[in-house]
PDB file of N, CA and C in Angstrom:
ATOM      1  N   MET A   1       0.569  -1.220   0.082  1.00  0.00           N
ATOM      2  CA  MET A   1       0.372  -0.036  -0.079  1.00  0.00           C
ATOM      3  C   MET A   1       0.969   1.411   0.014  1.00  0.00           C
ATOM      4  N   ASP A   2       1.939   1.027   0.961  1.00  0.00           N
ATOM      5  CA  ASP A   2       2.674   2.297   0.804  1.00  0.00           C
ATOM      6  C   ASP A   2       3.284   2.812  -0.295  1.00  0.00           C
ATOM      7  N   HIS A   3       3.864   1.388  -1.325  1.00  0.00           N
ATOM      8  CA  HIS A   3       4.211   2.126  -2.462  1.00  0.00           C
ATOM      9  C   HIS A   3       3.524   2.565  -3.488  1.00  0.00           C
ATOM     10  N   ASN A   4       2.565   2.288  -3.321  1.00  0.00           N
ATOM     11  CA  ASN A   4       0.736   2.991  -4.200  1.00  0.00           C
ATOM     12  C   ASN A   4       1.278   4.436  -4.225  1.00  0.00           C
ATOM     13  N   ILE A   5       1.255   5.055  -2.769  1.00  0.00           N
ATOM     14  CA  ILE A   5       1.168   6.155  -2.390  1.00  0.00           C
ATOM     15  C   ILE A   5       2.378   6.702  -2.449  1.00  0.00           C
ATOM     16  N   THR A   6       4.248   5.900  -2.898  1.00  0.00           N
ATOM     17  CA  THR A   6       5.241   6.789  -3.641  1.00  0.00           C
ATOM     18  C   THR A   6       5.017   7.399  -5.048  1.00  0.00           C
ATOM     19  N   ALA A   7       4.751   5.912  -5.140  1.00  0.00           N
ATOM     20  CA  ALA A   7       4.277   6.219  -6.939  1.00  0.00           C
ATOM     21  C   ALA A   7       3.309   7.225  -7.275  1.00  0.00           C
ATOM     22  N   LEU A   8       2.373   7.331  -6.575  1.00  0.00           N
ATOM     23  CA  LEU A   8       1.256   8.599  -6.417  1.00  0.00           C
ATOM     24  C   LEU A   8       2.077   9.985  -6.707  1.00  0.00           C
ATOM     25  N   ARG A   9       2.918  10.158  -5.205  1.00  0.00           N
ATOM     26  CA  ARG A   9       3.165  11.422  -5.314  1.00  0.00           C
ATOM     27  C   ARG A   9       4.683  11.745  -6.340  1.00  0.00           C
ATOM     28  N   ILE A  10       5.184  10.582  -6.891  1.00  0.00           N
ATOM     29  CA  ILE A  10       5.959  11.028  -7.483  1.00  0.00           C
ATOM     30  C   ILE A  10       5.748  11.251  -8.958  1.00  0.00           C
ATOM     31  N   PHE A  11       4.588  10.591  -9.423  1.00  0.00           N
ATOM     32  CA  PHE A  11       3.972  10.943 -10.363  1.00  0.00           C
ATOM     33  C   PHE A  11       2.966  12.336 -10.855  1.00  0.00           C
ATOM     34  N   LEU A  12       2.726  12.702  -9.291  1.00  0.00           N
ATOM     35  CA  LEU A  12       2.294  14.440  -9.061  1.00  0.00           C
ATOM     36  C   LEU A  12       3.160  15.221  -8.901  1.00  0.00           C
ATOM     37  N   ASP A  13       3.920  14.858  -9.013  1.00  0.00           N
ATOM     38  CA  ASP A  13       5.287  15.684  -8.419  1.00  0.00           C
ATOM     39  C   ASP A  13       5.876  16.689  -9.615  1.00  0.00           C
ATOM     40  N   ASN A  14       5.483  17.792  -9.906  1.00  0.00           N
ATOM     41  CA  ASN A  14       5.880  18.881 -11.259  1.00  0.00           C
ATOM     42  C   ASN A  14       7.357  19.375 -11.297  1.00  0.00           C
ATOM     43  N   HIS A  15       7.996  19.655 -10.222  1.00  0.00           N
ATOM     44  CA  HIS A  15       9.394  19.984 -10.014  1.00  0.00           C
ATOM     45  C   HIS A  15      10.380  20.065 -11.122  1.00  0.00           C
ATOM     46  N   GLY A  16      10.529  18.354 -11.649  1.00  0.00           N
ATOM     47  CA  GLY A  16      11.441  17.964 -12.253  1.00  0.00           C
ATOM     48  C   GLY A  16      10.799  18.836 -13.862  1.00  0.00           C
ATOM     49  N   VAL A  17       9.894  18.160 -14.055  1.00  0.00           N
ATOM     50  CA  VAL A  17       8.893  18.934 -15.183  1.00  0.00           C
ATOM     51  C   VAL A  17       9.751  20.317 -15.649  1.00  0.00           C
ATOM     52  N   THR A  18       9.386  21.319 -14.201  1.00  0.00           N
ATOM     53  CA  THR A  18       9.453  22.554 -14.638  1.00  0.00           C
ATOM     54  C   THR A  18      10.929  22.928 -15.032  1.00  0.00           C
ATOM     55  N   ALA A  19      11.296  22.256 -14.245  1.00  0.00           N
ATOM     56  CA  ALA A  19      13.156  22.455 -14.682  1.00  0.00           C
ATOM     57  C   ALA A  19      13.442  21.932 -15.977  1.00  0.00           C
ATOM     58  N   ILE A  20      12.708  21.016 -16.472  1.00  0.00           N
ATOM     59  CA  ILE A  20      13.290  20.658 -17.436  1.00  0.00           C
ATOM     60  C   ILE A  20      12.281  21.642 -18.709  1.00  0.00           C
ATOM     61  N   GLU A  21      11.381  22.274 -18.835  1.00  0.00           N
ATOM     62  CA  GLU A  21      10.725  23.080 -19.290  1.00  0.00           C
ATOM     63  C   GLU A  21      12.051  24.851 -19.730  1.00  0.00           C
ATOM     64  N   TYR A  22      12.002  24.788 -18.107  1.00  0.00           N
ATOM     65  CA  TYR A  22      13.497  26.182 -18.037  1.00  0.00           C
ATOM     66  C   TYR A  22      14.803  26.239 -19.044  1.00  0.00           C
ATOM     67  N   ALA A  23      15.357  24.379 -19.331  1.00  0.00           N
ATOM     68  CA  ALA A  23      16.396  24.353 -19.651  1.00  0.00           C
ATOM     69  C   ALA A  23      15.720  24.231 -21.270  1.00  0.00           C
ATOM     70  N   LEU A  24      15.163  24.017 -21.251  1.00  0.00           N
ATOM     71  CA  LEU A  24      14.665  23.728 -22.630  1.00  0.00           C
ATOM     72  C   LEU A  24      14.187  25.399 -23.414  1.00  0.00           C
ATOM     73  N   ILE A  25      13.957  26.312 -22.509  1.00  0.00           N
ATOM     74  CA  ILE A  25      13.311  27.779 -23.171  1.00  0.00           C
ATOM     75  C   ILE A  25      14.831  28.330 -22.891  1.00  0.00           C
ATOM     76  N   ALA A  26      15.671  27.791 -22.142  1.00  0.00           N
ATOM     77  CA  ALA A  26      17.013  28.646 -21.990  1.00  0.00           C
ATOM     78  C   ALA A  26      18.106  27.878 -22.855  1.00  0.00           C
ATOM     79  N   GLY A  27      17.885  27.094 -23.476  1.00  0.00           N
ATOM     80  CA  GLY A  27      18.783  26.013 -24.483  1.00  0.00           C
ATOM     81  C   GLY A  27      18.245  27.171 -26.075  1.00  0.00           C
ATOM     82  N   LEU A  28      16.662  27.115 -25.939  1.00  0.00           N
ATOM     83  CA  LEU A  28      16.517  28.144 -27.704  1.00  0.00           C
ATOM     84  C   LEU A  28      16.868  29.632 -27.283  1.00  0.00           C
ATOM     85  N   ILE A  29      16.663  29.969 -26.044  1.00  0.00           N
ATOM     86  CA  ILE A  29      17.221  31.520 -26.101  1.00  0.00           C
ATOM     87  C   ILE A  29      18.692  31.506 -26.460  1.00  0.00           C
ATOM     88  N   ALA A  30      19.202  31.033 -26.107  1.00  0.00           N
ATOM     89  CA  ALA A  30      21.318  30.623 -26.125  1.00  0.00           C
ATOM     90  C   ALA A  30      21.189  30.394 -27.951  1.00  0.00           C
ATOM     91  N   ALA A  31      20.357  29.442 -28.372  1.00  0.00           N
ATOM     92  CA  ALA A  31      19.991  29.088 -29.757  1.00  0.00           C
ATOM     93  C   ALA A  31      20.428  30.387 -30.502  1.00  0.00           C
ATOM     94  N   VAL A  32      19.616  30.948 -30.543  1.00  0.00           N
ATOM     95  CA  VAL A  32      18.984  32.106 -31.039  1.00  0.00           C
ATOM     96  C   VAL A  32      20.211  33.246 -30.730  1.00  0.00           C
ATOM     97  N   ILE A  33      20.310  33.600 -29.687  1.00  0.00           N
ATOM     98  CA  ILE A  33      21.702  34.910 -29.719  1.00  0.00           C
ATOM     99  C   ILE A  33      22.541  33.890 -30.269  1.00  0.00           C
ATOM    100  N   ILE A  34      23.226  32.931 -30.408  1.00  0.00           N
ATOM    101  CA  ILE A  34      24.357  32.192 -31.020  1.00  0.00           C
ATOM    102  C   ILE A  34      24.082  32.648 -32.432  1.00  0.00           C
ATOM    103  N   GLY A  35      23.035  32.182 -33.213  1.00  0.00           N
ATOM    104  CA  GLY A  35      22.314  32.444 -34.615  1.00  0.00           C
ATOM    105  C   GLY A  35      22.439  33.644 -35.055  1.00  0.00           C
ATOM    106  N   THR A  36      22.101  34.636 -33.809  1.00  0.00           N
ATOM    107  CA  THR A  36      21.850  36.110 -34.676  1.00  0.00           C
ATOM    108  C   THR A  36      23.653  36.994 -34.618  1.00  0.00           C
ATOM    109  N   VAL A  37      24.370  36.068 -33.453  1.00  0.00           N
ATOM    110  CA  VAL A  37      25.490  37.100 -33.405  1.00  0.00           C
ATOM    111  C   VAL A  37      26.355  36.011 -34.693  1.00  0.00           C
ATOM    112  N   ALA A  38      26.006  34.774 -35.004  1.00  0.00           N
ATOM    113  CA  ALA A  38      26.639  34.879 -36.102  1.00  0.00           C
ATOM    114  C   ALA A  38      26.406  35.148 -37.357  1.00  0.00           C
ATOM    115  N   MET A  39      24.930  35.182 -37.546  1.00  0.00           N
ATOM    116  CA  MET A  39      24.609  36.125 -38.865  1.00  0.00           C
ATOM    117  C   MET A  39      24.962  37.512 -38.717  1.00  0.00           C
ATOM    118  N   LEU A  40      25.314  38.461 -38.139  1.00  0.00           N
ATOM    119  CA  LEU A  40      25.637  39.540 -37.628  1.00  0.00           C
ATOM    120  C   LEU A  40      26.835  39.765 -37.680  1.00  0.00           C
ATOM    121  N   GLY A  41      27.773  39.139 -36.910  1.00  0.00           N
ATOM    122  CA  GLY A  41      29.071  39.246 -36.813  1.00  0.00           C
ATOM    123  C   GLY A  41      30.126  39.484 -38.111  1.00  0.00           C
ATOM    124  N   ASN A  42      30.005  38.725 -39.043  1.00  0.00           N
ATOM    125  CA  ASN A  42      30.891  39.115 -40.467  1.00  0.00           C
ATOM    126  C   ASN A  42      30.455  40.700 -41.124  1.00  0.00           C
ATOM    127  N   GLY A  43      28.995  40.736 -40.673  1.00  0.00           N
ATOM    128  CA  GLY A  43      28.441  42.111 -41.404  1.00  0.00           C
ATOM    129  C   GLY A  43      29.009  43.293 -40.540  1.00  0.00           C
ATOM    130  N   VAL A  44      28.572  43.602 -39.448  1.00  0.00           N
ATOM    131  CA  VAL A  44      29.690  44.521 -38.573  1.00  0.00           C
ATOM    132  C   VAL A  44      31.181  44.450 -38.272  1.00  0.00           C
ATOM    133  N   LEU A  45      32.031  43.327 -38.534  1.00  0.00           N
ATOM    134  CA  LEU A  45      33.054  43.229 -39.279  1.00  0.00           C
ATOM    135  C   LEU A  45      33.688  43.576 -40.584  1.00  0.00           C
ATOM    136  N   LEU A  46      32.727  43.930 -41.254  1.00  0.00           N
ATOM    137  CA  LEU A  46      32.697  44.700 -42.374  1.00  0.00           C
ATOM    138  C   LEU A  46      32.402  45.990 -42.247  1.00  0.00           C
ATOM    139  N   ALA A  47      31.561  46.364 -41.533  1.00  0.00           N
ATOM    140  CA  ALA A  47      31.478  48.056 -41.643  1.00  0.00           C
ATOM    141  C   ALA A  47      32.575  48.282 -40.477  1.00  0.00           C
ATOM    142  N   TYR A  48      32.911  47.798 -39.244  1.00  0.00           N
ATOM    143  CA  TYR A  48      34.119  48.555 -39.125  1.00  0.00           C
ATOM    144  C   TYR A  48      35.524  48.446 -39.857  1.00  0.00           C
ATOM    145  N   ASN A  49      35.832  47.632 -40.418  1.00  0.00           N
ATOM    146  CA  ASN A  49      36.691  47.148 -41.309  1.00  0.00           C
ATOM    147  C   ASN A  49      36.741  48.671 -42.602  1.00  0.00           C
ATOM    148  N   SER A  50      35.958  48.419 -43.401  1.00  0.00           N
ATOM    149  CA  SER A  50      35.354  49.550 -44.413  1.00  0.00           C
ATOM    150  C   SER A  50      35.448  50.759 -43.825  1.00  0.00           C
ATOM    151  N   ALA A  51      35.146  50.986 -42.346  1.00  0.00           N
ATOM    152  CA  ALA A  51      35.068  52.711 -41.798  1.00  0.00           C
ATOM    153  C   ALA A  51      36.331  52.943 -41.579  1.00  0.00           C
ATOM    154  N   THR A  52      37.157  52.321 -40.879  1.00  0.00           N
ATOM    155  CA  THR A  52      38.824  52.583 -40.595  1.00  0.00           C
ATOM    156  C   THR A  52      39.651  52.929 -41.808  1.00  0.00           C
ATOM    157  N   ASN A  53      39.059  52.555 -42.878  1.00  0.00           N
ATOM    158  CA  ASN A  53      40.217  52.332 -44.089  1.00  0.00           C
ATOM    159  C   ASN A  53      39.942  53.765 -44.858  1.00  0.00           C
ATOM    160  N   PHE A  54      39.125  54.535 -44.462  1.00  0.00           N
ATOM    161  CA  PHE A  54      38.859  55.976 -44.894  1.00  0.00           C
ATOM    162  C   PHE A  54      40.001  56.850 -44.592  1.00  0.00           C
TER     163      PHE A  54
END
């Protein structure tokens, strides 16, 4: 009988699910930031190089 109560508590516990959701959101935000920096990085570098060549 005690095993059923323990299994029910584990099933109803949402703390692990919330942590996984936050980890997935943080990973998605990091991927977007990395992608944006990678795409804009060369353009910004070229702009600075052309500005310093005057």
